[in-house]
Amino acid sequence: NTEAYDEFGSTLSLSRDGRLLAIGARGEDSGATGIDGDQTDNSVTEAGAVYLFRF
């Protein structure tokens, strides 16, 4: 999520217990999956992405 128009933070959702945060990036173009995917990959135009953070 290294580009300005990836719109990281365009959507947010917090689990009921406050331990899981989902952050959307609706403009993300990457086809990468998993942890440490290729952030420069722009092979899937406007695919979008969700990033999950557990606390």
C-alpha atoms as a PDB file:
ATOM      1  CA  ASN A   1       0.000   0.000   0.000  1.00  0.00           C
ATOM      2  CA  THR A   2       2.685   2.400  -1.027  1.00  0.00           C
ATOM      3  CA  GLU A   3       0.825   4.690  -3.420  1.00  0.00           C
ATOM      4  CA  ALA A   4      -1.244   7.786  -2.643  1.00  0.00           C
ATOM      5  CA  TYR A   5      -4.386   6.650  -4.460  1.00  0.00           C
ATOM      6  CA  ASP A   6      -4.614   3.259  -2.747  1.00  0.00           C
ATOM      7  CA  GLU A   7      -6.851   5.033  -0.196  1.00  0.00           C
ATOM      8  CA  PHE A   8      -5.604   3.153   2.862  1.00  0.00           C
ATOM      9  CA  GLY A   9      -8.001   3.962   5.690  1.00  0.00           C
ATOM     10  CA  SER A  10     -10.986   4.600   3.411  1.00  0.00           C
ATOM     11  CA  THR A  11     -12.994   2.193   5.590  1.00  0.00           C
ATOM     12  CA  LEU A  12     -12.515   1.032   9.167  1.00  0.00           C
ATOM     13  CA  SER A  13     -14.170  -1.616  11.295  1.00  0.00           C
ATOM     14  CA  LEU A  14     -13.439  -2.638  14.867  1.00  0.00           C
ATOM     15  CA  SER A  15     -14.596  -5.959  16.290  1.00  0.00           C
ATOM     16  CA  ARG A  16     -17.079  -5.926  19.135  1.00  0.00           C
ATOM     17  CA  ASP A  17     -14.400  -6.879  21.685  1.00  0.00           C
ATOM     18  CA  GLY A  18     -11.985  -4.244  20.315  1.00  0.00           C
ATOM     19  CA  ARG A  19      -9.244  -6.760  19.556  1.00  0.00           C
ATOM     20  CA  LEU A  20      -9.424  -6.852  15.737  1.00  0.00           C
ATOM     21  CA  LEU A  21      -9.241  -3.811  13.461  1.00  0.00           C
ATOM     22  CA  ALA A  22      -9.961  -4.055   9.722  1.00  0.00           C
ATOM     23  CA  ILE A  23      -8.716  -1.218   7.506  1.00  0.00           C
ATOM     24  CA  GLY A  24      -9.782  -0.983   3.878  1.00  0.00           C
ATOM     25  CA  ALA A  25      -7.835   0.317   0.904  1.00  0.00           C
ATOM     26  CA  ARG A  26     -10.405   0.459  -1.872  1.00  0.00           C
ATOM     27  CA  GLY A  27      -7.961   1.731  -4.505  1.00  0.00           C
ATOM     28  CA  GLU A  28      -5.286  -0.922  -3.921  1.00  0.00           C
ATOM     29  CA  ASP A  29      -4.130  -2.420  -7.248  1.00  0.00           C
ATOM     30  CA  SER A  30      -1.918  -5.232  -5.989  1.00  0.00           C
ATOM     31  CA  GLY A  31      -2.455  -8.906  -6.685  1.00  0.00           C
ATOM     32  CA  ALA A  32      -0.094  -9.800  -3.818  1.00  0.00           C
ATOM     33  CA  THR A  33      -1.418 -11.910  -0.942  1.00  0.00           C
ATOM     34  CA  GLY A  34      -0.292 -12.714   2.574  1.00  0.00           C
ATOM     35  CA  ILE A  35       2.307 -11.099   4.763  1.00  0.00           C
ATOM     36  CA  ASP A  36       5.112  -9.132   3.073  1.00  0.00           C
ATOM     37  CA  GLY A  37       3.524  -9.253  -0.395  1.00  0.00           C
ATOM     38  CA  ASP A  38       5.015  -7.186  -3.228  1.00  0.00           C
ATOM     39  CA  GLN A  39       3.798  -3.647  -2.479  1.00  0.00           C
ATOM     40  CA  THR A  40       4.852  -2.432  -5.935  1.00  0.00           C
ATOM     41  CA  ASP A  41       2.637  -4.991  -7.732  1.00  0.00           C
ATOM     42  CA  ASN A  42      -0.137  -3.157  -9.618  1.00  0.00           C
ATOM     43  CA  SER A  43      -1.401  -6.091 -11.679  1.00  0.00           C
ATOM     44  CA  VAL A  44      -5.058  -6.035 -10.530  1.00  0.00           C
ATOM     45  CA  THR A  45      -6.541  -2.588 -11.152  1.00  0.00           C
ATOM     46  CA  GLU A  46      -8.839  -1.337  -8.355  1.00  0.00           C
ATOM     47  CA  ALA A  47      -8.962  -4.762  -6.664  1.00  0.00           C
ATOM     48  CA  GLY A  48      -9.050  -3.243  -3.189  1.00  0.00           C
ATOM     49  CA  ALA A  49      -7.601  -4.745  -0.026  1.00  0.00           C
ATOM     50  CA  VAL A  50      -8.334  -5.269   3.651  1.00  0.00           C
ATOM     51  CA  TYR A  51      -5.600  -5.170   6.289  1.00  0.00           C
ATOM     52  CA  LEU A  52      -6.267  -6.872   9.628  1.00  0.00           C
ATOM     53  CA  PHE A  53      -4.595  -5.898  12.894  1.00  0.00           C
ATOM     54  CA  ARG A  54      -5.046  -7.958  16.054  1.00  0.00           C
ATOM     55  CA  PHE A  55      -4.467  -6.381  19.474  1.00  0.00           C
END
